[in-house]
């Protein structure tokens, strides 16, 4: 750069160098965004009932790399995201079917067993699924919603 004679030439040289570097970073980041999109899609398609190890095996990346890339872009781990989607599916089902058996909901939504489902439910809501179902039955809120 010092060999260049005038300021304009130096600016052109610097900008060219910067553009090349930026292009290489874009390729890196666009690749990670594709990985994140694929992981989001896989988790969403399976409603959170998926193991990150399985996604890693299917994709050819390591689970550690997927977790790092996903966490860097999304701000939460893929496991946490899957857990949230899994829980959302279960709570939506309970909202529509408050009389359903908790053990059946736990099984249908991929929880290891009923206690695991109850722990997850308490973590997200602060109450048990049974207490939540009682509230839904008592207030019958789905029949009170007015859609415009």
Protein backbone atom coordinates (compact mmCIF):
# COMPACT_ATOMS: atom_id res chain seq x y z
CA UNK A 1 0.00 0.00 0.00
CA UNK A 2 2.90 2.32 0.70
CA UNK A 3 4.14 1.74 -2.83
CA UNK A 4 1.01 3.34 -4.28
CA UNK A 5 1.61 6.92 -5.30
CA UNK A 6 -1.53 8.82 -4.42
CA UNK A 7 -4.30 8.75 -1.84
CA UNK A 8 -6.95 7.66 -4.37
CA UNK A 9 -4.93 4.59 -5.37
CA UNK A 10 -4.44 3.69 -1.73
CA UNK A 11 -8.18 4.04 -1.10
CA UNK A 12 -8.96 1.84 -4.11
CA UNK A 13 -6.47 -0.77 -2.91
CA UNK A 14 -7.92 -0.72 0.62
CA UNK A 15 -11.52 -0.94 -0.62
CA UNK A 16 -10.69 -3.83 -2.93
CA UNK A 17 -9.00 -5.68 -0.06
CA UNK A 18 -11.95 -4.93 2.24
CA UNK A 19 -14.52 -6.09 -0.34
CA UNK A 20 -12.69 -9.40 -0.78
CA UNK A 21 -12.59 -9.93 2.98
CA UNK A 22 -16.25 -8.99 3.31
CA UNK A 23 -17.20 -11.40 0.53
CA UNK A 24 -15.40 -14.24 2.31
CA UNK A 25 -17.22 -13.40 5.56
CA UNK A 26 -20.54 -13.33 3.72
CA UNK A 27 -19.86 -16.85 2.47
CA UNK A 28 -19.08 -18.01 5.99
CA UNK A 29 -22.15 -16.37 7.52
CA UNK A 30 -24.50 -17.40 4.72
CA UNK A 31 -23.36 -20.97 5.29
CA UNK A 32 -24.14 -20.78 8.98
CA UNK A 33 -27.51 -19.19 8.28
CA UNK A 34 -28.33 -22.11 5.99
CA UNK A 35 -27.40 -24.52 8.77
CA UNK A 36 -29.58 -22.61 11.22
CA UNK A 37 -32.50 -22.54 8.76
CA UNK A 38 -32.17 -26.28 8.22
CA UNK A 39 -32.06 -26.96 11.96
CA UNK A 40 -35.05 -24.66 12.58
CA UNK A 41 -36.96 -26.41 9.83
CA UNK A 42 -36.13 -29.87 11.14
CA UNK A 43 -37.10 -28.98 14.71
CA UNK A 44 -40.31 -27.26 13.56
CA UNK A 45 -41.31 -30.10 11.24
CA UNK A 46 -40.98 -32.55 14.10
CA UNK A 47 -42.68 -30.18 16.57
CA UNK A 48 -39.64 -30.21 18.85
CA UNK A 49 -39.62 -33.98 19.21
CA UNK A 50 -36.14 -34.51 17.83
CA UNK A 51 -32.68 -35.16 19.16
CA UNK A 52 -29.93 -32.74 18.16
CA UNK A 53 -27.61 -35.75 17.75
CA UNK A 54 -29.96 -37.08 15.07
CA UNK A 55 -29.97 -33.75 13.22
CA UNK A 56 -26.17 -33.77 13.40
CA UNK A 57 -25.97 -37.32 12.02
CA UNK A 58 -28.35 -36.46 9.18
CA UNK A 59 -26.53 -33.25 8.30
CA UNK A 60 -22.94 -34.45 8.53
CA UNK A 61 -22.00 -31.75 11.04
CA UNK A 62 -21.12 -32.45 14.65
CA UNK A 63 -23.75 -31.76 17.26
CA UNK A 64 -21.31 -29.43 18.99
CA UNK A 65 -20.89 -27.35 15.80
CA UNK A 66 -24.65 -27.21 15.24
CA UNK A 67 -25.20 -26.10 18.83
CA UNK A 68 -22.56 -23.38 18.52
CA UNK A 69 -23.79 -22.01 15.19
CA UNK A 70 -27.44 -22.16 16.27
CA UNK A 71 -26.74 -20.49 19.62
CA UNK A 72 -24.65 -17.76 17.98
CA UNK A 73 -27.41 -16.88 15.51
CA UNK A 74 -30.55 -17.54 17.58
CA UNK A 75 -29.39 -16.72 21.09
CA UNK A 76 -30.61 -20.04 22.54
CA UNK A 77 -29.49 -23.60 22.09
CA UNK A 78 -31.24 -25.87 19.59
CA UNK A 79 -32.14 -28.19 22.46
CA UNK A 80 -33.87 -25.34 24.30
CA UNK A 81 -35.69 -24.29 21.11
CA UNK A 82 -36.85 -27.88 20.56
CA UNK A 83 -38.00 -28.08 24.18
CA UNK A 84 -40.04 -24.88 23.78
CA UNK A 85 -41.72 -26.14 20.60
CA UNK A 86 -42.43 -29.51 22.20
CA UNK A 87 -44.00 -27.75 25.18
CA UNK A 88 -46.03 -25.41 22.96
CA UNK A 89 -47.51 -28.38 21.14
CA UNK A 90 -48.45 -30.04 24.42
CA UNK A 91 -50.00 -26.93 25.95
CA UNK A 92 -51.95 -26.18 22.76
CA UNK A 93 -53.34 -29.71 22.90
CA UNK A 94 -54.32 -29.29 26.56
CA UNK A 95 -55.98 -25.95 25.73
CA UNK A 96 -58.21 -27.71 23.20
CA UNK A 97 -58.62 -30.93 25.21
CA UNK A 98 -58.53 -30.02 28.92
CA UNK A 99 -60.01 -33.40 29.94
CA UNK A 100 -57.23 -35.41 28.31
CA UNK A 101 -55.03 -37.65 30.45
CA UNK A 102 -51.69 -36.10 31.33
CA UNK A 103 -49.88 -39.40 30.76
CA UNK A 104 -51.29 -39.59 27.22
CA UNK A 105 -50.27 -36.00 26.48
CA UNK A 106 -46.77 -36.71 27.78
CA UNK A 107 -46.44 -39.77 25.54
CA UNK A 108 -48.00 -38.13 22.47
CA UNK A 109 -45.65 -35.15 22.67
CA UNK A 110 -42.46 -37.14 23.06
CA UNK A 111 -41.71 -36.78 26.74
CA UNK A 112 -39.80 -39.65 28.32
CA UNK A 113 -42.48 -40.17 30.94
CA UNK A 114 -45.18 -38.31 32.85
CA UNK A 115 -42.84 -36.94 35.56
CA UNK A 116 -40.56 -35.48 32.85
CA UNK A 117 -43.57 -33.77 31.27
CA UNK A 118 -44.72 -32.41 34.64
CA UNK A 119 -41.22 -31.02 35.37
CA UNK A 120 -41.12 -29.33 31.97
CA UNK A 121 -44.63 -27.96 32.40
CA UNK A 122 -43.80 -26.53 35.83
CA UNK A 123 -40.60 -25.01 34.48
CA UNK A 124 -42.50 -23.07 31.80
CA UNK A 125 -45.74 -22.24 33.62
CA UNK A 126 -45.07 -22.52 37.33
CA UNK A 127 -47.95 -24.97 37.77
CA UNK A 128 -48.72 -28.60 37.10
CA UNK A 129 -50.55 -29.72 33.95
CA UNK A 130 -53.46 -30.85 36.12
CA UNK A 131 -53.80 -27.39 37.70
CA UNK A 132 -53.62 -25.80 34.27
CA UNK A 133 -56.30 -28.16 32.91
CA UNK A 134 -58.55 -27.30 35.85
CA UNK A 135 -58.21 -23.59 35.08
CA UNK A 136 -59.01 -24.20 31.41
CA UNK A 137 -62.09 -26.25 32.32
CA UNK A 138 -63.25 -23.70 34.88
CA UNK A 139 -63.01 -20.69 32.62
CA UNK A 140 -63.76 -22.47 29.34
CA UNK A 141 -61.92 -19.60 27.71
CA UNK A 142 -61.74 -21.03 24.19
CA UNK A 143 -65.52 -20.72 23.85
CA UNK A 144 -65.36 -17.10 25.02
CA UNK A 145 -62.88 -15.90 22.42
CA UNK A 146 -64.41 -13.62 19.81
CA UNK A 147 -62.60 -13.65 16.50
CA UNK A 148 -63.04 -10.65 14.26
